[in-house]
Amino acid sequence: AADELAEAVVAAARRSTEERRVRHLGYLLAEVGVSPDVDPEL
C-alpha cells in the first residue's frame, strides 16, 4: 500500500501547478506512513 500511495502522491504533485501545495502532499505521504488508523482507501 505504501508504494501505491507514493505513486498517487507523485502523480498528484505532477498535476499541481499551484506548487505551494506540493509541500503538503509530501507531508501526507509521511504522515500516513506513521498512522496505522489510516487505511489505503482513507
All heavy atoms as atom14 arrays in JSON, in Angstrom:
{
  "sequence": "AADELAEAVVAAARRSTEERRVRHLGYLLAEVGVSPDVDPEL",
  "atom14_mask": [
    [1, 1, 1, 1, 1, 0, 0, 0, 0, 0, 0, 0, 0, 0],
    [1, 1, 1, 1, 1, 0, 0, 0, 0, 0, 0, 0, 0, 0],
    [1, 1, 1, 1, 1, 1, 1, 1, 0, 0, 0, 0, 0, 0],
    [1, 1, 1, 1, 1, 1, 1, 1, 1, 0, 0, 0, 0, 0],
    [1, 1, 1, 1, 1, 1, 1, 1, 0, 0, 0, 0, 0, 0],
    [1, 1, 1, 1, 1, 0, 0, 0, 0, 0, 0, 0, 0, 0],
    [1, 1, 1, 1, 1, 1, 1, 1, 1, 0, 0, 0, 0, 0],
    [1, 1, 1, 1, 1, 0, 0, 0, 0, 0, 0, 0, 0, 0],
    [1, 1, 1, 1, 1, 1, 1, 0, 0, 0, 0, 0, 0, 0],
    [1, 1, 1, 1, 1, 1, 1, 0, 0, 0, 0, 0, 0, 0],
    [1, 1, 1, 1, 1, 0, 0, 0, 0, 0, 0, 0, 0, 0],
    [1, 1, 1, 1, 1, 0, 0, 0, 0, 0, 0, 0, 0, 0],
    [1, 1, 1, 1, 1, 0, 0, 0, 0, 0, 0, 0, 0, 0],
    [1, 1, 1, 1, 1, 1, 1, 1, 1, 1, 1, 0, 0, 0],
    [1, 1, 1, 1, 1, 1, 1, 1, 1, 1, 1, 0, 0, 0],
    [1, 1, 1, 1, 1, 1, 0, 0, 0, 0, 0, 0, 0, 0],
    [1, 1, 1, 1, 1, 1, 1, 0, 0, 0, 0, 0, 0, 0],
    [1, 1, 1, 1, 1, 1, 1, 1, 1, 0, 0, 0, 0, 0],
    [1, 1, 1, 1, 1, 1, 1, 1, 1, 0, 0, 0, 0, 0],
    [1, 1, 1, 1, 1, 1, 1, 1, 1, 1, 1, 0, 0, 0],
    [1, 1, 1, 1, 1, 1, 1, 1, 1, 1, 1, 0, 0, 0],
    [1, 1, 1, 1, 1, 1, 1, 0, 0, 0, 0, 0, 0, 0],
    [1, 1, 1, 1, 1, 1, 1, 1, 1, 1, 1, 0, 0, 0],
    [1, 1, 1, 1, 1, 1, 1, 1, 1, 1, 0, 0, 0, 0],
    [1, 1, 1, 1, 1, 1, 1, 1, 0, 0, 0, 0, 0, 0],
    [1, 1, 1, 1, 0, 0, 0, 0, 0, 0, 0, 0, 0, 0],
    [1, 1, 1, 1, 1, 1, 1, 1, 1, 1, 1, 1, 0, 0],
    [1, 1, 1, 1, 1, 1, 1, 1, 0, 0, 0, 0, 0, 0],
    [1, 1, 1, 1, 1, 1, 1, 1, 0, 0, 0, 0, 0, 0],
    [1, 1, 1, 1, 1, 0, 0, 0, 0, 0, 0, 0, 0, 0],
    [1, 1, 1, 1, 1, 1, 1, 1, 1, 0, 0, 0, 0, 0],
    [1, 1, 1, 1, 1, 1, 1, 0, 0, 0, 0, 0, 0, 0],
    [1, 1, 1, 1, 0, 0, 0, 0, 0, 0, 0, 0, 0, 0],
    [1, 1, 1, 1, 1, 1, 1, 0, 0, 0, 0, 0, 0, 0],
    [1, 1, 1, 1, 1, 1, 0, 0, 0, 0, 0, 0, 0, 0],
    [1, 1, 1, 1, 1, 1, 1, 0, 0, 0, 0, 0, 0, 0],
    [1, 1, 1, 1, 1, 1, 1, 1, 0, 0, 0, 0, 0, 0],
    [1, 1, 1, 1, 1, 1, 1, 0, 0, 0, 0, 0, 0, 0],
    [1, 1, 1, 1, 1, 1, 1, 1, 0, 0, 0, 0, 0, 0],
    [1, 1, 1, 1, 1, 1, 1, 0, 0, 0, 0, 0, 0, 0],
    [1, 1, 1, 1, 1, 1, 1, 1, 1, 0, 0, 0, 0, 0],
    [1, 1, 1, 1, 1, 1, 1, 1, 0, 0, 0, 0, 0, 0]
  ],
  "atom14_positions": [
    [[0.84, -1.2, 0.0], [0.0, 0.0, 0.0], [0.87, 1.26, 0.0], [0.52, 2.27, -0.6], [-0.92, -0.01, 1.22], [0.0, 0.0, 0.0], [0.0, 0.0, 0.0], [0.0, 0.0, 0.0], [0.0, 0.0, 0.0], [0.0, 0.0, 0.0], [0.0, 0.0, 0.0], [0.0, 0.0, 0.0], [0.0, 0.0, 0.0], [0.0, 0.0, 0.0]],
    [[2.02, 1.18, 0.66], [2.93, 2.34, 0.71], [3.37, 2.75, -0.69], [3.45, 3.94, -1.01], [4.14, 2.01, 1.58], [0.0, 0.0, 0.0], [0.0, 0.0, 0.0], [0.0, 0.0, 0.0], [0.0, 0.0, 0.0], [0.0, 0.0, 0.0], [0.0, 0.0, 0.0], [0.0, 0.0, 0.0], [0.0, 0.0, 0.0], [0.0, 0.0, 0.0]],
    [[3.67, 1.77, -1.54], [4.12, 2.08, -2.89], [2.99, 2.67, -3.73], [3.21, 3.6, -4.53], [4.65, 0.82, -3.58], [5.95, 0.33, -2.97], [6.39, 0.9, -1.95], [6.53, -0.63, -3.51], [0.0, 0.0, 0.0], [0.0, 0.0, 0.0], [0.0, 0.0, 0.0], [0.0, 0.0, 0.0], [0.0, 0.0, 0.0], [0.0, 0.0, 0.0]],
    [[1.78, 2.14, -3.54], [0.64, 2.67, -4.3], [0.36, 4.11, -3.92], [0.11, 4.96, -4.79], [-0.59, 1.79, -4.07], [-0.49, 0.43, -4.72], [-1.77, -0.38, -4.59], [-2.73, 0.12, -3.94], [-1.83, -1.49, -5.14], [0.0, 0.0, 0.0], [0.0, 0.0, 0.0], [0.0, 0.0, 0.0], [0.0, 0.0, 0.0], [0.0, 0.0, 0.0]],
    [[0.39, 4.41, -2.61], [0.14, 5.79, -2.19], [1.26, 6.71, -2.67], [0.99, 7.83, -3.11], [0.0, 5.87, -0.67], [-0.3, 7.28, -0.13], [-1.65, 7.79, -0.66], [-0.29, 7.3, 1.39], [0.0, 0.0, 0.0], [0.0, 0.0, 0.0], [0.0, 0.0, 0.0], [0.0, 0.0, 0.0], [0.0, 0.0, 0.0], [0.0, 0.0, 0.0]],
    [[2.5, 6.26, -2.59], [3.62, 7.09, -3.05], [3.45, 7.43, -4.53], [3.67, 8.57, -4.94], [4.94, 6.37, -2.82], [0.0, 0.0, 0.0], [0.0, 0.0, 0.0], [0.0, 0.0, 0.0], [0.0, 0.0, 0.0], [0.0, 0.0, 0.0], [0.0, 0.0, 0.0], [0.0, 0.0, 0.0], [0.0, 0.0, 0.0], [0.0, 0.0, 0.0]],
    [[3.03, 6.47, -5.34], [2.81, 6.74, -6.75], [1.67, 7.74, -6.94], [1.76, 8.65, -7.78], [2.48, 5.44, -7.5], [2.26, 5.65, -8.99], [1.9, 4.37, -9.72], [2.1, 3.27, -9.16], [1.41, 4.47, -10.86], [0.0, 0.0, 0.0], [0.0, 0.0, 0.0], [0.0, 0.0, 0.0], [0.0, 0.0, 0.0], [0.0, 0.0, 0.0]],
    [[0.59, 7.58, -6.16], [-0.53, 8.51, -6.27], [-0.14, 9.92, -5.85], [-0.57, 10.91, -6.45], [-1.7, 8.01, -5.42], [0.0, 0.0, 0.0], [0.0, 0.0, 0.0], [0.0, 0.0, 0.0], [0.0, 0.0, 0.0], [0.0, 0.0, 0.0], [0.0, 0.0, 0.0], [0.0, 0.0, 0.0], [0.0, 0.0, 0.0], [0.0, 0.0, 0.0]],
    [[0.69, 10.03, -4.82], [1.13, 11.34, -4.36], [2.02, 12.01, -5.41], [1.89, 13.21, -5.69], [1.86, 11.21, -3.0], [2.65, 12.48, -2.67], [0.85, 10.92, -1.89], [0.0, 0.0, 0.0], [0.0, 0.0, 0.0], [0.0, 0.0, 0.0], [0.0, 0.0, 0.0], [0.0, 0.0, 0.0], [0.0, 0.0, 0.0], [0.0, 0.0, 0.0]],
    [[2.92, 11.25, -6.0], [3.76, 11.8, -7.07], [2.9, 12.26, -8.24], [3.12, 13.34, -8.81], [4.81, 10.77, -7.52], [5.48, 11.2, -8.83], [5.87, 10.59, -6.45], [0.0, 0.0, 0.0], [0.0, 0.0, 0.0], [0.0, 0.0, 0.0], [0.0, 0.0, 0.0], [0.0, 0.0, 0.0], [0.0, 0.0, 0.0], [0.0, 0.0, 0.0]],
    [[1.89, 11.47, -8.6], [1.0, 11.86, -9.7], [0.25, 13.15, -9.35], [0.09, 14.04, -10.2], [0.01, 10.74, -10.0], [0.0, 0.0, 0.0], [0.0, 0.0, 0.0], [0.0, 0.0, 0.0], [0.0, 0.0, 0.0], [0.0, 0.0, 0.0], [0.0, 0.0, 0.0], [0.0, 0.0, 0.0], [0.0, 0.0, 0.0], [0.0, 0.0, 0.0]],
    [[-0.21, 13.28, -8.09], [-0.91, 14.49, -7.67], [0.02, 15.69, -7.72], [-0.36, 16.79, -8.13], [-1.47, 14.3, -6.27], [0.0, 0.0, 0.0], [0.0, 0.0, 0.0], [0.0, 0.0, 0.0], [0.0, 0.0, 0.0], [0.0, 0.0, 0.0], [0.0, 0.0, 0.0], [0.0, 0.0, 0.0], [0.0, 0.0, 0.0], [0.0, 0.0, 0.0]],
    [[1.27, 15.5, -7.3], [2.24, 16.6, -7.33], [2.53, 17.04, -8.77], [2.64, 18.24, -9.06], [3.54, 16.18, -6.64], [0.0, 0.0, 0.0], [0.0, 0.0, 0.0], [0.0, 0.0, 0.0], [0.0, 0.0, 0.0], [0.0, 0.0, 0.0], [0.0, 0.0, 0.0], [0.0, 0.0, 0.0], [0.0, 0.0, 0.0], [0.0, 0.0, 0.0]],
    [[2.63, 16.08, -9.66], [2.87, 16.43, -11.07], [1.77, 17.32, -11.62], [2.02, 18.22, -12.42], [2.98, 15.14, -11.91], [4.21, 14.32, -11.65], [4.15, 13.0, -12.39], [4.0, 13.19, -13.83], [3.75, 12.2, -14.69], [3.59, 10.96, -14.26], [3.64, 12.46, -15.98], [0.0, 0.0, 0.0], [0.0, 0.0, 0.0], [0.0, 0.0, 0.0]],
    [[0.53, 17.1, -11.18], [-0.61, 17.89, -11.68], [-0.74, 19.23, -10.98], [-1.54, 20.08, -11.42], [-1.91, 17.1, -11.48], [-2.0, 15.82, -12.28], [-3.41, 15.25, -12.23], [-3.83, 14.92, -10.87], [-3.66, 13.73, -10.29], [-3.05, 12.76, -10.95], [-4.09, 13.5, -9.06], [0.0, 0.0, 0.0], [0.0, 0.0, 0.0], [0.0, 0.0, 0.0]],
    [[-0.02, 19.44, -9.89], [-0.24, 20.61, -9.02], [0.52, 21.83, -9.54], [1.64, 22.12, -9.1], [0.19, 20.3, -7.58], [-0.63, 19.32, -7.02], [0.0, 0.0, 0.0], [0.0, 0.0, 0.0], [0.0, 0.0, 0.0], [0.0, 0.0, 0.0], [0.0, 0.0, 0.0], [0.0, 0.0, 0.0], [0.0, 0.0, 0.0], [0.0, 0.0, 0.0]],
    [[-0.11, 22.55, -10.44], [0.55, 23.77, -10.93], [0.62, 24.84, -9.85], [1.47, 25.73, -9.92], [-0.2, 24.32, -12.16], [-1.58, 24.5, -11.84], [-0.07, 23.36, -13.33], [0.0, 0.0, 0.0], [0.0, 0.0, 0.0], [0.0, 0.0, 0.0], [0.0, 0.0, 0.0], [0.0, 0.0, 0.0], [0.0, 0.0, 0.0], [0.0, 0.0, 0.0]],
    [[-0.25, 24.79, -8.83], [-0.09, 25.62, -7.63], [0.95, 24.91, -6.76], [0.63, 24.08, -5.92], [-1.42, 25.75, -6.87], [-2.37, 26.76, -7.42], [-3.57, 26.96, -6.5], [-4.26, 25.97, -6.22], [-3.81, 28.1, -6.09], [0.0, 0.0, 0.0], [0.0, 0.0, 0.0], [0.0, 0.0, 0.0], [0.0, 0.0, 0.0], [0.0, 0.0, 0.0]],
    [[2.21, 25.25, -6.97], [3.28, 24.43, -6.42], [3.45, 24.55, -4.92], [4.14, 23.72, -4.31], [4.59, 24.75, -7.16], [4.52, 24.28, -8.61], [5.77, 24.58, -9.41], [6.6, 25.4, -8.94], [5.92, 24.0, -10.5], [0.0, 0.0, 0.0], [0.0, 0.0, 0.0], [0.0, 0.0, 0.0], [0.0, 0.0, 0.0], [0.0, 0.0, 0.0]],
    [[2.82, 25.52, -4.28], [2.88, 25.6, -2.83], [2.2, 24.39, -2.18], [2.51, 24.04, -1.04], [2.2, 26.89, -2.35], [2.91, 28.16, -2.78], [2.11, 29.39, -2.49], [0.92, 29.49, -3.33], [0.1, 30.53, -3.35], [0.36, 31.58, -2.58], [-0.97, 30.55, -4.12], [0.0, 0.0, 0.0], [0.0, 0.0, 0.0], [0.0, 0.0, 0.0]],
    [[1.31, 23.75, -2.92], [0.61, 22.58, -2.39], [1.52, 21.36, -2.27], [1.24, 20.43, -1.51], [-0.54, 22.22, -3.33], [-1.57, 23.29, -3.53], [-2.32, 23.11, -4.86], [-2.82, 21.77, -5.01], [-4.02, 21.37, -4.56], [-4.8, 22.23, -3.94], [-4.42, 20.15, -4.74], [0.0, 0.0, 0.0], [0.0, 0.0, 0.0], [0.0, 0.0, 0.0]],
    [[2.6, 21.34, -3.05], [3.44, 20.14, -3.15], [4.03, 19.77, -1.79], [4.14, 18.59, -1.45], [4.54, 20.36, -4.21], [5.57, 19.23, -4.17], [3.92, 20.47, -5.6], [0.0, 0.0, 0.0], [0.0, 0.0, 0.0], [0.0, 0.0, 0.0], [0.0, 0.0, 0.0], [0.0, 0.0, 0.0], [0.0, 0.0, 0.0], [0.0, 0.0, 0.0]],
    [[4.41, 20.77, -1.0], [4.96, 20.5, 0.34], [3.99, 19.63, 1.15], [4.39, 18.63, 1.76], [5.2, 21.83, 1.07], [5.65, 21.65, 2.52], [5.69, 22.99, 3.23], [6.6, 23.9, 2.62], [7.89, 24.0, 2.9], [8.41, 23.2, 3.82], [8.66, 24.88, 2.29], [0.0, 0.0, 0.0], [0.0, 0.0, 0.0], [0.0, 0.0, 0.0]],
    [[2.73, 19.99, 1.14], [1.77, 19.29, 2.0], [1.36, 17.95, 1.42], [0.96, 17.05, 2.18], [0.58, 20.21, 2.27], [0.97, 21.39, 3.12], [1.0, 21.33, 4.48], [1.43, 22.62, 2.78], [1.44, 22.48, 4.97], [1.7, 23.28, 3.96], [0.0, 0.0, 0.0], [0.0, 0.0, 0.0], [0.0, 0.0, 0.0], [0.0, 0.0, 0.0]],
    [[1.49, 17.76, 0.12], [1.3, 16.42, -0.44], [2.4, 15.49, 0.04], [2.15, 14.32, 0.38], [1.28, 16.49, -1.97], [0.11, 17.23, -2.6], [0.31, 17.35, -4.11], [-1.21, 16.52, -2.31], [0.0, 0.0, 0.0], [0.0, 0.0, 0.0], [0.0, 0.0, 0.0], [0.0, 0.0, 0.0], [0.0, 0.0, 0.0], [0.0, 0.0, 0.0]],
    [[3.62, 16.0, 0.1], [4.71, 15.19, 0.66], [4.5, 14.88, 2.12], [4.77, 13.76, 2.58], [0.0, 0.0, 0.0], [0.0, 0.0, 0.0], [0.0, 0.0, 0.0], [0.0, 0.0, 0.0], [0.0, 0.0, 0.0], [0.0, 0.0, 0.0], [0.0, 0.0, 0.0], [0.0, 0.0, 0.0], [0.0, 0.0, 0.0], [0.0, 0.0, 0.0]],
    [[4.0, 15.86, 2.86], [3.71, 15.63, 4.27], [2.65, 14.54, 4.45], [2.72, 13.74, 5.39], [3.22, 16.92, 4.93], [4.27, 18.0, 5.13], [3.94, 19.22, 5.69], [5.61, 17.8, 4.77], [4.89, 20.21, 5.89], [6.56, 18.79, 4.96], [6.2, 19.99, 5.53], [7.13, 20.97, 5.72], [0.0, 0.0, 0.0], [0.0, 0.0, 0.0]],
    [[1.66, 14.53, 3.56], [0.63, 13.49, 3.63], [1.26, 12.1, 3.52], [0.93, 11.19, 4.29], [-0.41, 13.7, 2.52], [-1.55, 12.66, 2.44], [-2.84, 13.32, 1.94], [-1.19, 11.5, 1.51], [0.0, 0.0, 0.0], [0.0, 0.0, 0.0], [0.0, 0.0, 0.0], [0.0, 0.0, 0.0], [0.0, 0.0, 0.0], [0.0, 0.0, 0.0]],
    [[2.18, 11.94, 2.6], [2.81, 10.64, 2.41], [3.55, 10.2, 3.67], [3.44, 9.04, 4.1], [3.78, 10.72, 1.22], [4.47, 9.42, 0.8], [3.45, 8.34, 0.48], [5.36, 9.69, -0.41], [0.0, 0.0, 0.0], [0.0, 0.0, 0.0], [0.0, 0.0, 0.0], [0.0, 0.0, 0.0], [0.0, 0.0, 0.0], [0.0, 0.0, 0.0]],
    [[4.27, 11.13, 4.3], [4.99, 10.79, 5.53], [4.04, 10.55, 6.7], [4.25, 9.64, 7.5], [5.97, 11.92, 5.86], [0.0, 0.0, 0.0], [0.0, 0.0, 0.0], [0.0, 0.0, 0.0], [0.0, 0.0, 0.0], [0.0, 0.0, 0.0], [0.0, 0.0, 0.0], [0.0, 0.0, 0.0], [0.0, 0.0, 0.0], [0.0, 0.0, 0.0]],
    [[2.99, 11.37, 6.81], [2.04, 11.24, 7.92], [1.32, 9.9, 7.87], [1.15, 9.23, 8.9], [1.04, 12.39, 7.88], [-0.03, 12.36, 8.96], [0.5, 12.54, 10.37], [1.55, 13.19, 10.53], [-0.14, 12.03, 11.31], [0.0, 0.0, 0.0], [0.0, 0.0, 0.0], [0.0, 0.0, 0.0], [0.0, 0.0, 0.0], [0.0, 0.0, 0.0]],
    [[0.88, 9.49, 6.69], [0.18, 8.2, 6.58], [1.13, 7.07, 6.95], [0.7, 6.05, 7.52], [-0.4, 8.03, 5.17], [-0.98, 6.63, 5.0], [-1.48, 9.07, 4.9], [0.0, 0.0, 0.0], [0.0, 0.0, 0.0], [0.0, 0.0, 0.0], [0.0, 0.0, 0.0], [0.0, 0.0, 0.0], [0.0, 0.0, 0.0], [0.0, 0.0, 0.0]],
    [[2.41, 7.24, 6.66], [3.39, 6.2, 6.97], [3.57, 5.93, 8.45], [4.18, 4.9, 8.81], [0.0, 0.0, 0.0], [0.0, 0.0, 0.0], [0.0, 0.0, 0.0], [0.0, 0.0, 0.0], [0.0, 0.0, 0.0], [0.0, 0.0, 0.0], [0.0, 0.0, 0.0], [0.0, 0.0, 0.0], [0.0, 0.0, 0.0], [0.0, 0.0, 0.0]],
    [[3.06, 6.8, 9.32], [3.14, 6.58, 10.77], [1.76, 6.51, 11.41], [1.63, 6.58, 12.63], [3.98, 7.68, 11.46], [5.41, 7.68, 10.94], [3.35, 9.06, 11.29], [0.0, 0.0, 0.0], [0.0, 0.0, 0.0], [0.0, 0.0, 0.0], [0.0, 0.0, 0.0], [0.0, 0.0, 0.0], [0.0, 0.0, 0.0], [0.0, 0.0, 0.0]],
    [[0.72, 6.36, 10.59], [-0.66, 6.42, 11.08], [-1.4, 5.13, 10.79], [-2.07, 5.0, 9.75], [-1.39, 7.6, 10.43], [-0.74, 8.82, 10.72], [0.0, 0.0, 0.0], [0.0, 0.0, 0.0], [0.0, 0.0, 0.0], [0.0, 0.0, 0.0], [0.0, 0.0, 0.0], [0.0, 0.0, 0.0], [0.0, 0.0, 0.0], [0.0, 0.0, 0.0]],
    [[-1.33, 4.13, 11.68], [-1.99, 2.84, 11.42], [-3.51, 2.91, 11.38], [-4.15, 1.95, 10.94], [-1.49, 1.95, 12.56], [-1.05, 2.89, 13.63], [-0.55, 4.11, 12.94], [0.0, 0.0, 0.0], [0.0, 0.0, 0.0], [0.0, 0.0, 0.0], [0.0, 0.0, 0.0], [0.0, 0.0, 0.0], [0.0, 0.0, 0.0], [0.0, 0.0, 0.0]],
    [[-4.1, 4.03, 11.83], [-5.55, 4.15, 11.76], [-6.03, 4.63, 10.39], [-7.24, 4.78, 10.17], [-6.07, 5.1, 12.85], [-5.48, 6.5, 12.74], [-4.36, 6.66, 12.2], [-6.14, 7.46, 13.19], [0.0, 0.0, 0.0], [0.0, 0.0, 0.0], [0.0, 0.0, 0.0], [0.0, 0.0, 0.0], [0.0, 0.0, 0.0], [0.0, 0.0, 0.0]],
    [[-5.11, 4.85, 9.45], [-5.47, 5.32, 8.11], [-5.22, 4.2, 7.11], [-4.08, 3.8, 6.87], [-4.63, 6.57, 7.73], [-4.99, 7.03, 6.32], [-4.86, 7.7, 8.73], [0.0, 0.0, 0.0], [0.0, 0.0, 0.0], [0.0, 0.0, 0.0], [0.0, 0.0, 0.0], [0.0, 0.0, 0.0], [0.0, 0.0, 0.0], [0.0, 0.0, 0.0]],
    [[-6.31, 3.66, 6.55], [-6.16, 2.59, 5.57], [-5.97, 3.18, 4.17], [-6.09, 4.4, 3.97], [-7.34, 1.62, 5.63], [-8.68, 2.27, 5.26], [-8.69, 3.33, 4.6], [-9.73, 1.7, 5.62], [0.0, 0.0, 0.0], [0.0, 0.0, 0.0], [0.0, 0.0, 0.0], [0.0, 0.0, 0.0], [0.0, 0.0, 0.0], [0.0, 0.0, 0.0]],
    [[-5.64, 2.36, 3.17], [-5.39, 2.9, 1.82], [-6.55, 3.7, 1.26], [-6.36, 4.72, 0.6], [-5.11, 1.64, 0.99], [-4.61, 0.64, 1.97], [-5.36, 0.9, 3.23], [0.0, 0.0, 0.0], [0.0, 0.0, 0.0], [0.0, 0.0, 0.0], [0.0, 0.0, 0.0], [0.0, 0.0, 0.0], [0.0, 0.0, 0.0], [0.0, 0.0, 0.0]],
    [[-7.79, 3.22, 1.5], [-8.94, 3.92, 0.96], [-9.1, 5.31, 1.59], [-9.44, 6.28, 0.91], [-10.21, 3.09, 1.18], [-10.3, 1.86, 0.28], [-9.37, 0.74, 0.72], [-8.88, 0.76, 1.86], [-9.11, -0.16, -0.12], [0.0, 0.0, 0.0], [0.0, 0.0, 0.0], [0.0, 0.0, 0.0], [0.0, 0.0, 0.0], [0.0, 0.0, 0.0]],
    [[-8.86, 5.4, 2.9], [-8.98, 6.68, 3.57], [-7.88, 7.64, 3.11], [-8.14, 8.83, 2.89], [-8.91, 6.49, 5.09], [-9.25, 7.7, 5.95], [-10.69, 8.17, 5.68], [-9.07, 7.39, 7.42], [0.0, 0.0, 0.0], [0.0, 0.0, 0.0], [0.0, 0.0, 0.0], [0.0, 0.0, 0.0], [0.0, 0.0, 0.0], [0.0, 0.0, 0.0]]
  ]
}
